[in-house]
Amino acid sequence: KPINNNKLITIIIEDYVTSPKGLTKEFDAAGLRKFWFPVSRMPRNGEDWPTVDYIVQKNQRLVVFTSIAAKESSEGIAYEWRYLIYNIENKKKEAKVFERTIIGLDSKSADGDGGMKAGSCPNRKESFPMSTKKRSLVLMNLCPSDPNISQACKENSDPLISMMSTCHEEAGARWPDYIAVNFYKRSDGGGAAEAVDMANSF
């Protein structure tokens, strides 16, 4: 029996692939397309997503987003800004991405330290405002432009929980579906895992 067959995985791709159907060929070669959640079933304009139970039952547990709009029609890969909102992100370092209870793949980002300012949760320039209800998914970033492993324990502790509360207010009382941090295993307490548990408790 396959392990983790009740888990969902999200991949958010900062996409530099220019070859025709280059991404879908890779997913096909890896045998992953059969698990792909089709873009035709993704909710538009802030509508609700299917339940986890429904997605698991359909065994379409891989949710993939691209940063290139044209690939939604040409390759069937969801254009991230049609479905997600998120705050300003780090421009120099990869960040771990959490889907509430799931650790996803690495996601590069842009726009500097705006996501690190206490009491502020401004949207990234490509994103709709954090307060919009026209996008269903919320990604919260806490990644400094200059990642420092010696500071990660501090950044991934109280400031992370505090920022999540701030972004919760900015996002119209919605908790993040994804939480992006650097050095996700480091903290002075429960860290990123605690933040994920907190988001899932509401």
Protein backbone atom coordinates (compact mmCIF):
# COMPACT_ATOMS: atom_id res chain seq x y z
CA LYS A 1 0.00 0.00 0.00
CA PRO A 2 1.47 3.41 -0.93
CA ILE A 3 2.52 5.57 2.00
CA ASN A 4 1.21 9.12 2.38
CA ASN A 5 -1.65 8.39 0.02
CA ASN A 6 -3.91 10.71 1.99
CA LYS A 7 -1.59 13.73 1.73
CA LEU A 8 -1.81 16.73 -0.60
CA ILE A 9 1.27 18.37 -2.11
CA THR A 10 1.42 21.85 -3.60
CA ILE A 11 4.25 23.03 -5.86
CA ILE A 12 4.53 26.75 -6.62
CA ILE A 13 6.98 27.21 -9.50
CA GLU A 14 8.90 30.38 -10.27
CA ASP A 15 8.92 29.38 -13.89
CA TYR A 16 11.84 29.92 -16.26
CA VAL A 17 11.09 26.96 -18.54
CA THR A 18 10.72 28.20 -22.12
CA SER A 19 10.65 24.96 -24.12
CA PRO A 20 7.18 24.02 -25.42
CA LYS A 21 5.36 21.95 -22.79
CA GLY A 22 8.68 21.62 -20.99
CA LEU A 23 7.13 21.37 -17.54
CA THR A 24 4.36 18.96 -18.42
CA LYS A 25 6.87 16.68 -20.14
CA GLU A 26 8.83 16.49 -16.89
CA PHE A 27 5.74 15.68 -14.85
CA ASP A 28 4.70 13.07 -17.43
CA ALA A 29 8.16 11.47 -17.37
CA ALA A 30 7.99 11.26 -13.58
CA GLY A 31 4.58 9.60 -13.71
CA LEU A 32 2.97 12.39 -11.69
CA ARG A 33 0.29 13.64 -14.05
CA LYS A 34 -2.15 11.01 -12.82
CA PHE A 35 -2.10 12.74 -9.42
CA TRP A 36 -2.55 16.23 -10.88
CA PHE A 37 -5.48 18.30 -9.63
CA PRO A 38 -6.91 19.72 -12.88
CA VAL A 39 -7.05 23.46 -13.32
CA SER A 40 -10.61 23.09 -14.60
CA ARG A 41 -11.71 22.15 -11.08
CA MET A 42 -9.91 25.00 -9.34
CA PRO A 43 -12.28 27.62 -7.95
CA ARG A 44 -12.26 31.09 -9.49
CA ASN A 45 -13.01 34.45 -7.90
CA GLY A 46 -12.60 33.29 -4.31
CA GLU A 47 -14.96 30.35 -4.40
CA ASP A 48 -14.36 27.45 -2.01
CA TRP A 49 -11.96 24.65 -2.84
CA PRO A 50 -13.13 21.04 -2.71
CA THR A 51 -12.61 19.33 0.63
CA VAL A 52 -9.42 17.41 1.34
CA ASP A 53 -11.49 14.21 1.54
CA TYR A 54 -12.85 14.83 -1.96
CA ILE A 55 -9.39 15.48 -3.41
CA VAL A 56 -7.96 12.38 -1.72
CA GLN A 57 -10.87 10.27 -2.94
CA LYS A 58 -10.22 11.43 -6.51
CA ASN A 59 -6.48 10.83 -5.93
CA GLN A 60 -5.72 14.19 -7.54
CA ARG A 61 -3.46 15.24 -4.68
CA LEU A 62 -0.82 17.25 -6.56
CA VAL A 63 -1.63 20.96 -6.91
CA VAL A 64 0.76 22.83 -9.21
CA PHE A 65 1.04 26.57 -9.85
CA THR A 66 3.22 28.44 -12.35
CA SER A 67 4.29 32.09 -12.51
CA ILE A 68 3.61 32.21 -16.28
CA ALA A 69 0.01 33.05 -17.14
CA ALA A 70 0.06 31.56 -20.65
CA LYS A 71 0.81 28.07 -19.35
CA GLU A 72 -2.64 27.78 -17.82
CA SER A 73 -4.14 27.47 -21.30
CA SER A 74 -1.17 25.87 -23.09
CA GLU A 75 -0.18 23.28 -20.47
CA GLY A 76 -3.03 23.20 -17.99
CA ILE A 77 -0.85 24.53 -15.15
CA ALA A 78 -2.65 26.98 -12.89
CA TYR A 79 -1.38 30.57 -12.98
CA GLU A 80 -0.66 31.33 -9.34
CA TRP A 81 -2.00 34.89 -9.27
CA ARG A 82 -5.47 33.73 -10.30
CA TYR A 83 -5.76 31.68 -7.12
CA LEU A 84 -3.34 33.03 -4.47
CA ILE A 85 -2.67 36.21 -2.58
CA TYR A 86 0.50 36.75 -0.64
CA ASN A 87 2.56 39.35 1.07
CA ILE A 88 5.91 40.79 0.00
CA GLU A 89 8.61 38.17 -0.18
CA ASN A 90 12.36 37.74 -0.01
CA LYS A 91 14.42 38.30 -3.19
CA LYS A 92 17.67 36.49 -2.46
CA LYS A 93 16.98 33.12 -0.90
CA GLU A 94 14.84 30.06 -1.37
CA ALA A 95 12.11 29.52 1.20
CA LYS A 96 10.39 26.45 2.49
CA VAL A 97 6.68 26.47 1.83
CA PHE A 98 4.10 24.86 4.09
CA GLU A 99 0.61 23.87 3.08
CA ARG A 100 -0.79 23.94 6.56
CA THR A 101 0.09 20.39 7.58
CA ILE A 102 2.36 19.72 4.59
CA ILE A 103 5.86 20.88 3.73
CA GLY A 104 5.99 21.61 -0.01
CA LEU A 105 8.86 22.27 -2.38
CA ASP A 106 11.19 25.27 -2.41
CA SER A 107 9.86 28.56 -3.77
CA LYS A 108 12.01 31.50 -4.81
CA SER A 109 10.60 34.95 -4.25
CA ALA A 110 10.98 38.68 -4.79
CA ASP A 111 10.45 42.12 -3.29
CA GLY A 112 12.69 42.47 -0.24
CA ASP A 113 12.01 42.63 3.48
CA GLY A 114 8.43 43.91 3.43
CA GLY A 115 7.18 40.61 4.81
CA MET A 116 9.34 41.10 7.90
CA LYS A 117 7.84 44.36 9.19
CA ALA A 118 5.98 43.84 12.46
CA GLY A 119 2.36 44.94 12.29
CA SER A 120 2.37 45.17 8.49
CA CYS A 121 1.36 42.63 5.84
CA PRO A 122 1.50 44.37 2.42
CA ASN A 123 0.72 42.36 -0.68
CA ARG A 124 3.34 41.48 -3.26
CA LYS A 125 3.02 43.65 -6.38
CA GLU A 126 1.69 40.81 -8.56
CA SER A 127 -0.90 39.87 -5.95
CA PHE A 128 -4.37 41.21 -5.36
CA PRO A 129 -4.57 43.13 -2.05
CA MET A 130 -4.42 40.88 1.00
CA SER A 131 -7.97 41.89 1.89
CA THR A 132 -9.49 40.67 -1.38
CA LYS A 133 -12.01 37.85 -1.35
CA LYS A 134 -11.47 37.18 -5.06
CA ARG A 135 -8.63 34.74 -4.36
CA SER A 136 -9.16 31.59 -2.32
CA LEU A 137 -5.65 30.83 -1.04
CA VAL A 138 -3.46 32.90 1.28
CA LEU A 139 0.33 32.55 1.44
CA MET A 140 2.13 34.28 4.32
CA ASN A 141 5.82 35.05 3.98
CA LEU A 142 8.37 35.65 6.71
CA CYS A 143 11.64 35.56 4.79
CA PRO A 144 14.32 38.24 5.23
CA SER A 145 16.21 39.34 2.13
CA ASP A 146 19.45 38.28 3.81
CA PRO A 147 18.73 34.87 5.38
CA ASN A 148 20.89 34.30 8.43
CA ILE A 149 20.81 30.89 10.04
CA SER A 150 21.97 32.35 13.34
CA GLN A 151 18.86 34.58 13.41
CA ALA A 152 16.44 31.93 12.20
CA CYS A 153 15.58 30.65 15.68
CA LYS A 154 14.40 34.12 16.66
CA GLU A 155 12.62 34.86 13.37
CA ASN A 156 10.77 31.54 13.36
CA SER A 157 9.45 31.89 16.89
CA ASP A 158 7.39 34.76 18.34
CA PRO A 159 7.76 37.03 15.25
CA LEU A 160 6.32 34.27 13.06
CA ILE A 161 3.22 33.82 15.23
CA SER A 162 2.81 37.60 15.52
CA MET A 163 3.08 38.08 11.74
CA MET A 164 0.55 35.33 11.16
CA SER A 165 -1.94 37.17 13.36
CA THR A 166 -1.24 40.43 11.51
CA CYS A 167 -1.71 38.82 8.10
CA HIS A 168 -4.85 37.11 9.39
CA GLU A 169 -6.35 40.55 9.99
CA GLU A 170 -5.08 41.97 6.68
CA ALA A 171 -6.48 38.96 4.79
CA GLY A 172 -10.02 39.54 6.00
CA ALA A 173 -9.86 37.19 9.00
CA ARG A 174 -8.43 34.34 6.93
CA TRP A 175 -5.56 32.20 8.22
CA PRO A 176 -2.76 31.33 5.80
CA ASP A 177 -2.98 28.20 3.70
CA TYR A 178 0.79 28.39 3.16
CA ILE A 179 3.56 29.74 5.40
CA ALA A 180 6.97 30.51 3.89
CA VAL A 181 10.08 30.73 6.09
CA ASN A 182 13.83 30.18 5.84
CA PHE A 183 15.49 27.36 7.80
CA TYR A 184 12.12 25.93 8.77
CA LYS A 185 13.52 23.44 11.29
CA ARG A 186 15.08 26.17 13.44
CA SER A 187 13.20 28.02 16.19
CA ASP A 188 13.23 28.83 19.90
CA GLY A 189 10.01 26.91 20.40
CA GLY A 190 7.41 25.28 18.21
CA GLY A 191 8.47 27.30 15.18
CA ALA A 192 6.94 26.84 11.75
CA ALA A 193 5.23 23.61 12.77
CA GLU A 194 3.49 25.43 15.62
CA ALA A 195 2.35 28.14 13.21
CA VAL A 196 0.94 25.49 10.88
CA ASP A 197 -0.89 23.82 13.77
CA MET A 198 -2.27 27.19 14.84
CA ALA A 199 -3.59 27.93 11.34
CA ASN A 200 -5.16 24.49 11.16
CA SER A 201 -6.94 24.89 14.49
CA PHE A 202 -9.31 27.53 13.12
